[in-house]
Protein backbone atom coordinates (compact mmCIF):
# COMPACT_ATOMS: atom_id res chain seq x y z
CA MET A 1 -18.11 33.67 39.30
CA ARG A 2 -15.72 30.95 40.44
CA GLN A 3 -12.29 30.94 39.17
CA ALA A 4 -10.81 27.93 37.03
CA LEU A 5 -11.50 24.44 37.57
CA GLN A 6 -8.25 22.63 37.65
CA GLY A 7 -7.89 19.38 35.94
CA VAL A 8 -9.13 19.06 32.06
CA CYS A 9 -9.81 22.59 31.69
CA LEU A 10 -11.35 26.15 32.99
CA ILE A 11 -15.02 26.53 32.33
CA LEU A 12 -16.87 29.40 32.99
CA LEU A 13 -20.40 29.42 32.35
CA LEU A 14 -21.99 32.69 31.70
CA PHE A 15 -25.35 31.74 30.12
CA PHE A 16 -26.93 29.04 27.83
CA HIS A 17 -26.07 29.33 23.99
CA ALA A 18 -28.66 29.37 21.66
CA PRO A 19 -28.28 26.14 19.22
CA GLY A 20 -26.17 26.66 16.56
CA THR A 21 -24.21 29.06 18.57
CA ALA A 22 -20.51 29.06 20.17
CA ARG A 23 -20.55 27.97 23.58
CA ALA A 24 -20.40 31.28 25.45
CA GLY A 25 -18.28 31.62 28.89
CA CYS A 26 -16.63 28.39 27.90
CA VAL A 27 -13.04 28.26 28.15
CA VAL A 28 -10.32 25.87 27.36
CA SER A 29 -6.76 26.29 28.98
CA PRO A 30 -3.79 24.55 27.12
CA VAL A 31 -2.32 23.62 30.31
CA GLY A 32 -5.26 21.62 31.31
CA VAL A 33 -4.95 19.30 28.32
CA PRO A 34 -4.60 15.96 28.97
CA SER A 35 -1.32 14.10 28.37
CA GLY A 36 -1.37 10.99 25.65
CA ASP A 37 -1.58 10.96 21.79
CA GLY A 38 -1.84 14.48 19.87
CA ALA A 39 -1.80 15.83 23.22
CA ALA A 40 0.91 18.68 22.13
CA GLU A 41 -0.97 19.35 18.96
CA VAL A 42 -4.33 20.05 21.12
CA ALA A 43 -2.67 22.04 23.45
CA ALA A 44 -0.98 24.14 20.22
CA PHE A 45 -4.31 24.52 18.89
CA TYR A 46 -6.18 26.12 21.98
CA ARG A 47 -3.21 28.53 22.24
CA ASN A 48 -3.35 29.91 18.52
CA TRP A 49 -7.33 29.68 18.82
CA GLY A 50 -7.42 32.51 21.44
CA GLU A 51 -11.28 32.49 21.29
CA GLY A 52 -12.40 30.02 24.17
CA CYS A 53 -14.26 26.92 23.43
CA ILE A 54 -14.77 26.22 19.39
CA TRP A 55 -17.40 23.77 18.90
CA THR A 56 -21.32 24.63 18.09
CA ASP A 57 -23.74 22.28 18.12
CA ARG A 58 -23.81 22.10 14.57
CA ALA A 59 -20.23 21.34 14.28
CA ALA A 60 -20.24 18.85 16.67
CA SER A 61 -22.95 17.10 15.07
CA ASP A 62 -21.52 17.36 11.39
CA LEU A 63 -17.94 15.94 12.95
CA TYR A 64 -19.89 13.06 14.63
CA ASP A 65 -21.58 12.34 11.37
CA VAL A 66 -18.30 11.85 9.65
CA LEU A 67 -16.40 10.31 12.38
CA SER A 68 -19.35 7.48 12.74
CA ARG A 69 -18.99 6.21 9.07
CA SER A 70 -14.99 6.25 9.16
CA ASP A 71 -15.57 2.40 8.93
CA LEU A 72 -16.15 3.33 4.92
CA HIS A 73 -12.47 3.90 4.81
CA GLY A 74 -11.69 0.75 6.85
CA VAL A 75 -10.93 2.30 10.14
CA GLY A 76 -13.21 1.63 12.89
CA PRO A 77 -15.33 4.88 14.18
CA GLU A 78 -14.35 4.11 18.03
CA ASN A 79 -10.78 5.07 17.18
CA PHE A 80 -11.85 8.34 17.13
CA GLU A 81 -14.19 8.14 20.33
CA THR A 82 -17.23 8.34 18.96
CA PRO A 83 -18.82 6.25 21.66
CA GLU A 84 -17.53 8.90 24.31
CA ILE A 85 -18.98 12.01 21.52
CA SER A 86 -22.22 10.36 21.35
CA GLY A 87 -22.73 10.30 25.10
CA GLN A 88 -21.64 13.79 24.84
CA LEU A 89 -24.10 15.23 22.27
CA LYS A 90 -26.89 13.53 24.16
CA ALA A 91 -26.04 14.99 27.53
CA GLY A 92 -27.37 18.26 26.26
CA ARG A 93 -27.05 21.26 28.83
CA GLY A 94 -25.81 18.70 31.50
CA THR A 95 -22.54 18.32 29.49
CA ASP A 96 -19.23 19.47 30.81
CA LEU A 97 -18.41 21.69 27.86
CA ALA A 98 -14.96 22.92 28.15
CA ALA A 99 -14.25 18.62 28.69
CA ARG A 100 -16.73 17.86 25.36
CA ASP A 101 -14.66 20.48 23.59
CA LEU A 102 -11.24 19.06 23.79
CA LEU A 103 -13.17 15.56 23.08
CA LEU A 104 -13.89 17.01 19.90
CA THR A 105 -11.00 18.78 18.92
CA ARG A 106 -9.13 15.79 19.73
CA ALA A 107 -11.17 13.58 17.70
CA ALA A 108 -11.30 15.79 14.69
CA LEU A 109 -7.51 16.17 14.78
CA ARG A 110 -6.91 12.40 15.14
CA TYR A 111 -9.19 11.62 12.05
CA ALA A 112 -7.74 14.59 10.03
CA ARG A 113 -4.16 13.09 10.65
CA ALA A 114 -5.54 9.62 9.89
CA MET A 115 -7.39 10.46 6.85
CA GLN A 116 -4.04 12.18 5.49
CA ALA A 117 -1.07 10.50 6.81
CA GLY A 118 -2.22 7.27 8.23
CA ARG A 119 -2.33 6.24 11.75
CA VAL A 120 1.00 5.11 12.21
CA ASP A 121 4.47 5.42 10.73
CA LEU A 122 5.11 2.86 8.29
CA ALA A 123 8.97 2.60 8.72
CA ALA A 124 7.98 1.51 12.12
CA SER A 125 6.45 -1.66 10.80
CA GLY A 126 9.96 -3.01 9.11
CA GLN A 127 13.61 -1.97 9.09
CA ASP A 128 13.66 -1.86 5.01
CA ILE A 129 11.10 0.98 4.68
CA ALA A 130 12.07 4.48 3.29
CA ILE A 131 8.66 6.05 2.95
CA PRO A 132 9.09 9.35 4.92
CA ARG A 133 6.35 10.24 7.30
CA TRP A 134 4.22 13.15 6.52
CA GLU A 135 3.01 15.50 9.48
CA PRO A 136 0.05 17.52 7.36
CA PRO A 137 -1.01 20.90 8.76
CA VAL A 138 -4.18 19.65 10.26
CA ALA A 139 -4.56 22.01 12.84
CA THR A 140 -4.51 24.93 10.26
CA GLY A 141 -6.83 23.41 8.46
CA LEU A 142 -9.46 22.62 11.05
CA ALA A 143 -9.23 25.92 12.55
CA ALA A 144 -9.75 27.45 8.68
CA ALA A 145 -12.66 25.07 8.47
CA LEU A 146 -14.27 25.88 11.98
CA LYS A 147 -13.67 30.04 11.33
CA GLN A 148 -15.31 29.94 7.84
CA ASP A 149 -18.07 27.37 8.78
CA ARG A 150 -17.29 24.82 6.28
CA LEU A 151 -16.36 21.75 8.58
CA SER A 152 -17.95 19.22 6.72
CA GLU A 153 -16.46 20.03 3.41
CA TRP A 154 -13.30 19.93 5.03
CA LEU A 155 -13.69 16.56 6.56
CA ARG A 156 -14.95 14.76 3.38
CA ALA A 157 -12.11 16.19 1.51
CA LEU A 158 -9.45 14.71 3.84
CA PRO A 159 -9.08 11.21 2.41
CA PRO A 160 -7.34 10.35 -0.70
CA ALA A 161 -9.22 11.14 -3.91
CA THR A 162 -7.39 9.01 -6.27
CA PRO A 163 -9.10 6.68 -8.42
CA GLU A 164 -7.13 3.93 -6.94
CA TYR A 165 -8.29 4.62 -3.13
CA LEU A 166 -11.85 5.21 -4.39
CA ARG A 167 -12.15 2.10 -6.00
CA LEU A 168 -10.48 0.33 -3.04
CA LYS A 169 -13.10 1.84 -1.03
CA GLN A 170 -15.65 0.38 -3.29
CA ALA A 171 -14.13 -3.21 -2.97
CA LEU A 172 -14.32 -2.62 0.96
CA ALA A 173 -17.76 -2.43 0.77
CA PHE A 174 -18.63 -5.05 -1.26
CA HIS A 175 -16.50 -7.52 0.78
CA ARG A 176 -18.36 -6.05 3.77
CA ASN A 177 -21.75 -6.71 2.16
CA LEU A 178 -20.62 -10.64 1.41
CA ALA A 179 -19.32 -10.94 5.06
CA ALA A 180 -22.79 -9.42 6.28
CA ARG A 181 -24.55 -12.28 4.41
CA GLY A 182 -22.48 -14.83 6.83
CA ASP A 183 -22.53 -18.72 5.80
CA TRP A 184 -19.11 -19.00 4.05
CA PRO A 185 -18.36 -22.37 4.74
CA ALA A 186 -14.94 -24.09 3.61
CA LEU A 187 -15.31 -25.68 0.11
CA ALA A 188 -13.77 -29.11 -0.07
CA LEU A 189 -13.32 -31.63 -2.74
CA GLU A 190 -13.95 -35.38 -2.03
CA GLU A 191 -11.84 -37.04 0.40
CA GLY A 192 -8.14 -37.78 -0.81
CA ARG A 193 -8.84 -35.64 -4.05
CA ARG A 194 -6.06 -32.72 -4.73
CA SER A 195 -7.69 -31.46 -7.69
CA LEU A 196 -10.76 -31.04 -10.12
CA LYS A 197 -9.59 -30.52 -13.55
CA PRO A 198 -11.72 -29.28 -16.35
CA GLY A 199 -14.06 -31.92 -17.87
CA GLU A 200 -14.03 -33.55 -14.91
CA THR A 201 -16.78 -34.43 -12.42
CA SER A 202 -17.37 -33.32 -8.43
CA GLU A 203 -19.90 -33.22 -6.32
CA ALA A 204 -18.41 -30.11 -4.79
CA MET A 205 -19.49 -28.11 -8.24
CA ALA A 206 -22.72 -26.58 -6.99
CA ALA A 207 -21.03 -25.15 -4.20
CA LEU A 208 -17.99 -24.18 -6.00
CA ARG A 209 -20.04 -22.34 -8.35
CA GLY A 210 -22.18 -20.69 -5.64
CA ARG A 211 -18.49 -19.40 -4.55
CA LEU A 212 -18.02 -17.82 -7.76
CA VAL A 213 -21.02 -16.47 -8.40
CA ALA A 214 -20.91 -14.56 -4.86
CA LEU A 215 -17.49 -13.44 -5.48
CA GLY A 216 -18.66 -12.31 -8.97
CA ASP A 217 -16.55 -14.42 -11.12
CA LEU A 218 -19.39 -16.41 -12.60
CA ARG A 219 -22.89 -14.90 -13.74
CA ALA A 220 -24.92 -18.08 -12.57
CA ARG A 221 -24.62 -21.18 -10.81
CA ILE A 222 -26.55 -23.34 -13.10
CA GLY A 223 -24.77 -26.77 -14.50
CA GLY A 224 -24.22 -29.98 -13.35
CA ASP A 225 -21.41 -31.79 -11.17
CA ARG A 226 -18.75 -31.45 -14.63
CA LEU A 227 -16.53 -28.65 -14.28
CA ASP A 228 -17.48 -27.12 -17.67
CA PRO A 229 -16.27 -24.70 -19.85
CA GLN A 230 -18.07 -21.69 -18.57
CA THR A 231 -17.17 -22.54 -15.01
CA VAL A 232 -13.52 -22.93 -16.08
CA GLU A 233 -13.74 -19.51 -17.57
CA ALA A 234 -14.95 -18.19 -13.95
CA VAL A 235 -12.03 -20.36 -12.13
CA ILE A 236 -9.29 -18.72 -14.68
CA ARG A 237 -11.08 -14.94 -14.20
CA PHE A 238 -10.65 -15.70 -10.20
CA GLN A 239 -7.09 -17.29 -10.60
CA SER A 240 -5.96 -14.16 -12.47
CA ARG A 241 -7.19 -11.70 -9.87
CA HIS A 242 -5.35 -13.83 -7.31
CA GLY A 243 -2.15 -14.05 -9.05
CA LEU A 244 -2.39 -17.83 -9.46
CA GLU A 245 -1.43 -20.15 -12.16
CA ARG A 246 -4.27 -19.39 -15.12
CA ASP A 247 -4.65 -23.07 -15.55
CA GLY A 248 -8.41 -23.41 -14.52
CA VAL A 249 -7.94 -26.54 -12.39
CA ILE A 250 -9.27 -26.09 -8.92
CA GLY A 251 -5.95 -26.87 -7.03
CA PRO A 252 -4.78 -26.69 -3.41
CA LYS A 253 -3.74 -23.21 -3.74
CA THR A 254 -7.02 -22.18 -6.18
CA LEU A 255 -9.28 -23.82 -3.30
CA ALA A 256 -7.36 -22.14 -0.61
CA ALA A 257 -7.85 -18.73 -2.12
CA LEU A 258 -11.65 -19.40 -2.23
CA ASN A 259 -12.10 -20.26 1.22
CA VAL A 260 -10.73 -16.84 1.94
CA THR A 261 -13.36 -15.40 3.92
CA PRO A 262 -14.92 -11.86 3.38
CA GLU A 263 -13.86 -10.83 7.15
CA GLU A 264 -10.39 -12.00 6.08
CA ARG A 265 -10.26 -9.85 2.64
CA VAL A 266 -12.07 -6.77 4.44
CA ARG A 267 -9.39 -6.38 6.75
CA GLN A 268 -6.76 -7.17 3.88
CA ILE A 269 -8.47 -4.49 1.90
CA ALA A 270 -8.55 -1.99 4.98
CA LEU A 271 -4.67 -2.35 5.27
CA ASN A 272 -3.97 -1.15 1.89
CA MET A 273 -6.16 1.39 2.34
CA GLU A 274 -4.07 2.73 5.12
CA ARG A 275 -0.82 1.96 3.70
CA THR A 276 -2.39 3.82 0.81
CA ARG A 277 -3.03 7.11 3.19
CA ILE A 278 0.14 6.82 4.66
CA MET A 279 2.25 6.85 1.23
CA ALA A 280 -0.38 9.40 -0.65
CA HIS A 281 1.95 12.37 -0.15
CA ALA A 282 4.87 10.33 -1.92
CA MET A 283 2.80 8.98 -4.93
CA PRO A 284 3.02 11.99 -7.64
CA HIS A 285 0.61 11.58 -10.36
CA THR A 286 3.64 11.20 -12.25
CA ARG A 287 5.70 8.51 -11.31
CA VAL A 288 7.10 4.89 -12.03
CA GLU A 289 5.33 2.48 -9.50
CA VAL A 290 6.44 -1.09 -8.88
CA ASN A 291 4.21 -3.10 -6.41
CA ALA A 292 6.30 -5.82 -4.95
CA ALA A 293 3.56 -7.82 -3.85
CA ALA A 294 2.16 -8.20 -7.41
CA ALA A 295 5.84 -8.16 -9.16
CA THR A 296 4.50 -5.40 -11.36
CA ALA A 297 5.29 -1.59 -12.44
CA VAL A 298 3.18 0.84 -13.98
CA LEU A 299 4.17 4.33 -15.75
CA PHE A 300 1.76 6.86 -14.68
CA GLU A 301 1.95 10.10 -16.36
CA ASP A 302 -0.60 12.73 -15.20
CA GLY A 303 -2.44 10.06 -12.85
CA GLU A 304 -3.17 7.80 -16.18
CA PRO A 305 -1.15 4.35 -16.60
CA VAL A 306 0.59 4.60 -19.87
CA LEU A 307 3.14 1.62 -19.59
CA ARG A 308 2.45 -1.51 -18.03
CA MET A 309 5.15 -4.36 -17.44
CA ARG A 310 5.79 -7.37 -15.35
CA THR A 311 8.89 -7.42 -12.82
CA VAL A 312 11.06 -9.90 -11.16
CA VAL A 313 11.18 -9.07 -7.33
CA GLY A 314 12.81 -10.09 -4.04
CA THR A 315 12.44 -13.49 -2.52
CA PRO A 316 11.11 -13.83 0.89
CA LYS A 317 14.50 -13.64 2.14
CA THR A 318 16.00 -10.92 0.44
CA PRO A 319 12.88 -8.61 0.27
CA THR A 320 12.33 -5.74 -2.33
CA PRO A 321 11.97 -2.74 0.14
CA ILE A 322 9.79 -0.24 0.22
CA LEU A 323 10.80 3.05 -0.67
CA SER A 324 10.61 6.67 -2.85
CA GLY A 325 13.43 8.08 -4.76
CA LEU A 326 14.26 9.62 -7.81
CA ILE A 327 15.45 8.01 -11.36
CA ALA A 328 18.05 10.46 -12.92
CA THR A 329 20.16 8.33 -15.03
CA VAL A 330 19.69 5.26 -17.38
CA VAL A 331 22.78 3.40 -17.51
CA VAL A 332 23.51 1.51 -21.02
CA ASN A 333 25.55 -1.71 -20.88
CA PRO A 334 25.68 -1.54 -17.28
CA PRO A 335 28.62 -3.70 -15.52
CA TRP A 336 27.75 -5.37 -12.17
CA VAL A 337 29.45 -5.26 -9.50
CA VAL A 338 28.91 -8.17 -7.26
CA PRO A 339 27.72 -7.82 -3.87
CA ARG A 340 30.04 -9.61 -1.44
CA SER A 341 26.62 -11.31 0.16
CA ILE A 342 26.06 -12.75 -3.37
CA TYR A 343 29.78 -13.44 -3.88
CA VAL A 344 30.26 -15.28 -0.35
CA GLY A 345 26.57 -17.08 -0.70
CA GLU A 346 26.62 -18.16 -4.32
CA ILE A 347 29.27 -17.64 -6.43
CA ALA A 348 32.01 -18.85 -4.45
CA PRO A 349 30.40 -22.22 -3.86
CA ALA A 350 29.98 -22.07 -7.56
CA ILE A 351 33.76 -21.45 -8.45
CA ALA A 352 34.64 -24.34 -6.03
CA ARG A 353 32.65 -26.59 -8.31
CA ASP A 354 33.73 -24.73 -11.40
CA PRO A 355 37.20 -23.32 -11.60
CA ASP A 356 36.08 -21.87 -15.32
CA TYR A 357 33.03 -20.28 -13.75
CA LEU A 358 34.47 -16.85 -14.13
CA GLU A 359 35.47 -17.03 -17.36
CA LYS A 360 32.25 -18.47 -18.46
CA HIS A 361 30.27 -15.92 -16.86
CA ASP A 362 32.36 -12.94 -18.00
CA MET A 363 33.34 -11.82 -14.83
CA PHE A 364 36.99 -10.44 -13.28
CA TRP A 365 38.53 -8.83 -10.37
CA ARG A 366 39.31 -5.34 -10.26
CA GLU A 367 40.64 -3.79 -7.07
CA GLY A 368 39.43 -6.19 -4.94
CA GLN A 369 35.92 -6.54 -6.22
CA LEU A 370 34.14 -8.95 -8.66
CA VAL A 371 32.84 -7.39 -11.70
CA GLN A 372 30.88 -8.83 -14.51
CA ARG A 373 31.45 -7.54 -18.08
CA PRO A 374 28.52 -5.73 -19.80
CA GLY A 375 26.78 -8.08 -22.41
CA PRO A 376 24.70 -10.56 -23.52
CA ARG A 377 25.63 -12.44 -20.16
CA ASN A 378 25.23 -9.81 -17.75
CA SER A 379 22.93 -10.18 -15.05
CA LEU A 380 21.74 -6.64 -15.41
CA GLY A 381 20.70 -7.05 -18.93
CA ARG A 382 21.52 -3.94 -21.30
CA LEU A 383 19.72 -0.82 -18.92
CA LYS A 384 19.73 -0.10 -15.17
CA PHE A 385 17.72 2.97 -14.02
CA GLU A 386 19.54 4.73 -11.11
CA PHE A 387 18.39 6.36 -8.09
CA ALA A 388 19.44 7.04 -4.65
CA SER A 389 18.07 4.82 -1.96
CA PRO A 390 19.33 3.46 1.73
CA PHE A 391 19.36 0.15 -0.05
CA ALA A 392 21.30 0.26 -2.96
CA VAL A 393 18.46 -1.19 -4.97
CA TYR A 394 17.46 -0.06 -8.66
CA LEU A 395 15.58 -0.85 -11.75
CA HIS A 396 17.18 -3.04 -14.64
CA ASP A 397 16.80 -5.18 -17.52
CA THR A 398 17.69 -8.89 -17.04
CA ASN A 399 19.39 -11.90 -19.25
CA ALA A 400 16.76 -14.31 -18.25
CA PRO A 401 13.42 -12.67 -19.49
CA SER A 402 11.80 -16.11 -19.64
CA LEU A 403 10.94 -15.43 -15.76
CA PHE A 404 8.30 -12.95 -16.85
CA ALA A 405 6.38 -16.00 -18.10
CA ILE A 406 5.83 -17.16 -14.46
CA ASP A 407 3.39 -16.21 -12.18
CA ASN A 408 5.81 -16.59 -9.06
CA ARG A 409 8.43 -13.98 -9.95
CA PHE A 410 9.94 -13.45 -6.19
CA ARG A 411 13.45 -14.33 -7.52
CA SER A 412 15.67 -11.65 -7.05
CA HIS A 413 18.34 -10.50 -4.40
CA GLY A 414 15.86 -7.38 -4.21
CA CYS A 415 16.32 -5.14 -6.92
CA ILE A 416 13.69 -5.02 -9.41
CA ARG A 417 13.95 -6.32 -13.11
CA LEU A 418 11.70 -4.97 -15.86
CA GLU A 419 10.03 -6.89 -18.33
CA LYS A 420 9.99 -3.97 -20.89
CA PRO A 421 12.97 -1.63 -19.99
CA LEU A 422 13.37 -0.39 -23.58
CA ASP A 423 10.30 1.18 -23.60
CA LEU A 424 10.60 2.45 -20.52
CA ALA A 425 13.86 4.41 -21.47
CA VAL A 426 12.29 5.74 -24.26
CA ARG A 427 9.61 7.00 -22.17
CA LEU A 428 12.05 8.56 -19.49
CA LEU A 429 14.64 9.85 -21.81
CA GLY A 430 12.64 11.73 -24.26
CA SER A 431 13.12 13.02 -27.38
CA GLU A 432 16.55 13.34 -27.25
CA TRP A 433 16.90 9.62 -27.15
CA PRO A 434 14.61 7.80 -29.37
CA ARG A 435 14.06 4.03 -29.64
CA GLU A 436 16.78 3.61 -32.36
CA ARG A 437 19.32 5.77 -31.17
CA ILE A 438 19.07 3.83 -27.64
CA GLU A 439 19.30 0.66 -29.33
CA ALA A 440 22.52 1.70 -31.25
CA ALA A 441 24.24 2.60 -28.30
CA ILE A 442 23.36 -0.78 -26.53
CA ALA A 443 24.32 -2.31 -29.58
CA ALA A 444 27.84 -0.18 -29.24
CA GLY A 445 28.45 -2.23 -26.34
CA GLU A 446 30.41 0.15 -24.23
CA THR A 447 29.07 1.44 -20.79
CA ALA A 448 27.56 4.93 -21.46
CA ARG A 449 25.21 7.05 -18.83
CA LEU A 450 22.30 9.01 -20.43
CA PRO A 451 21.26 11.39 -18.09
CA MET A 452 17.85 12.67 -17.90
CA SER A 453 16.36 15.82 -18.61
CA ARG A 454 14.04 15.82 -15.79
CA SER A 455 14.12 13.01 -12.99
CA MET A 456 11.29 10.42 -12.60
CA PRO A 457 9.59 9.71 -9.18
CA VAL A 458 9.94 6.16 -8.33
CA VAL A 459 7.80 4.65 -5.70
CA VAL A 460 8.48 0.63 -4.87
CA ALA A 461 4.98 0.03 -2.89
CA TYR A 462 3.40 -3.16 -1.53
CA TRP A 463 -0.03 -3.71 -2.64
CA THR A 464 -1.61 -6.78 -1.56
CA ALA A 465 -5.10 -5.62 -2.35
CA PHE A 466 -5.69 -3.22 -5.53
CA VAL A 467 -8.54 -2.34 -8.05
CA GLU A 468 -7.81 -2.43 -12.02
CA GLU A 469 -9.58 0.35 -13.84
CA ASP A 470 -12.12 -2.14 -15.04
CA GLY A 471 -13.12 -2.57 -11.32
CA THR A 472 -11.31 -6.21 -11.03
CA VAL A 473 -10.60 -6.76 -7.62
CA GLU A 474 -6.87 -7.98 -7.06
CA PHE A 475 -5.44 -9.96 -4.26
CA ARG A 476 -1.97 -10.94 -3.47
CA ASP A 477 -0.53 -12.96 -0.71
CA ASP A 478 1.20 -11.20 1.91
CA ILE A 479 4.87 -12.84 0.67
CA TYR A 480 7.13 -10.38 2.93
CA GLY A 481 4.74 -10.31 5.91
CA ARG A 482 3.88 -6.72 5.55
CA ASP A 483 0.52 -6.67 6.23
CA ALA A 484 1.04 -8.76 9.43
CA ALA A 485 3.65 -6.20 10.85
CA LEU A 486 1.41 -3.13 9.67
CA ALA A 487 -1.67 -4.91 11.61
CA ALA A 488 0.24 -5.18 14.82
CA LEU A 489 1.94 -1.87 14.45
CA LEU A 490 -1.97 -0.51 14.39
CA ARG A 491 -2.92 -2.74 17.40
CA ALA A 492 -0.15 -0.85 19.12
CA GLU A 493 1.73 -4.22 19.42
CA ALA A 494 5.49 -4.36 18.11
CA PRO A 495 5.79 -6.15 14.84
CA ALA A 496 7.02 -9.66 14.78
CA PRO A 497 10.85 -9.97 14.18
CA SER A 498 11.47 -10.02 10.41
CA ARG A 499 12.43 -13.13 9.25
CA THR A 500 13.82 -11.39 6.13
CA ASP A 501 17.56 -9.97 5.38
CA THR A 502 17.35 -5.99 4.90
CA VAL A 503 18.66 -5.50 1.49
CA SER A 504 22.08 -3.84 1.25
CA ALA A 505 22.78 -4.20 -2.15
CA CYS A 506 21.60 -6.32 -4.90
CA GLY A 507 21.65 -7.82 -8.06
CA ALA A 508 20.60 -11.25 -10.16
């Protein structure tokens, strides 16, 4: 027979194969694997395989079946070369067998990486992201699945199986169905009118009710031109799950959120599913998870939420970084060493206006650093939760708890202020430090470092779309521009230059 074909691979056709069996005589040379994304992994796969071509007709069909439905996970099937695979499957005996084999292997490995670790390195979308890139052993998994004849099961088990991800998947399907219906005209009040308050009338009420019904916030569109109590409740429900002020008034912000199209929500959910896949390896079942986009925090124990609270997070100019770490110490009555950036930008001008500023705020100079004494006026409050990170951020109490009552809680220099720091400390410190003992340590007024018997993972994430346990679909504005940066990265574009400052130290 003729020797190896040059270029893509070597093909030796000895005889036609029976359906469902391996392609006899088909050999793929690792040397001939074309360069490109994942080429080294594909070449290594064939070097280790050692048994010629891989893909039976049945395995190829099983792979195509899964790839063609990747849009259920917010990823278009075309990302996995499904048009080319379809053409190869239809070609039958006229197929270039080795080229087909390479195509299927490349697509399978690309899909496995995408579902287990995302398609891009999240850190490439911003300089204030410290989530290590995970490289799952997809080649080993694919080889085992093919040899053990369990390819379908392996492929279907690749995406995250957490409740949070599965709920996002359902939300994606819901909004896709909305988008398929078409006809999503922009809602508007009468010309010159800025808002519609409870009890007031408007010609737009029928359209407004229709929109609330379509989104699932109102059961029926029955009613006249008045913003009646039933519709007000639906408006408040809509406002709540979009992070808006829950006043029942249809003002500019509520109207703008109502006008976001289903197609836009599909893209938003898909981006958050992508971010979930990228971060899945950094999200242990027991963790403290901060959602910077929603300014909230949750303590999970064995996958179950056991403590929820509001937070205050960074402003758009000083965003809270995205990171993972380990909380190892709780500091009682912490002093605050004022970062130089905060001193120069805020405190120095305040001192110029009021020479007694330092005394009024319990501040003093120590070895060239400005320090605020522990106490009721301390910006860190009475408790601080330390963990190592490249950005010197941490979780802490606050001396301004009134901020937790408002919806716009993007007001810090990057650190995370907690609504329920004492409750969290009780959970993290365990039986050695019951609430009464922690309260006594706080009352003593002295700074004390309380080591934890076991470190607690902490993840600071950024979810602009998420679904609660009861099925409520929540959306938040892309306040830090991270969705836009990730979308650009997925389009193989360089993210737009950040308009924010990377947090190097933070506090009040």
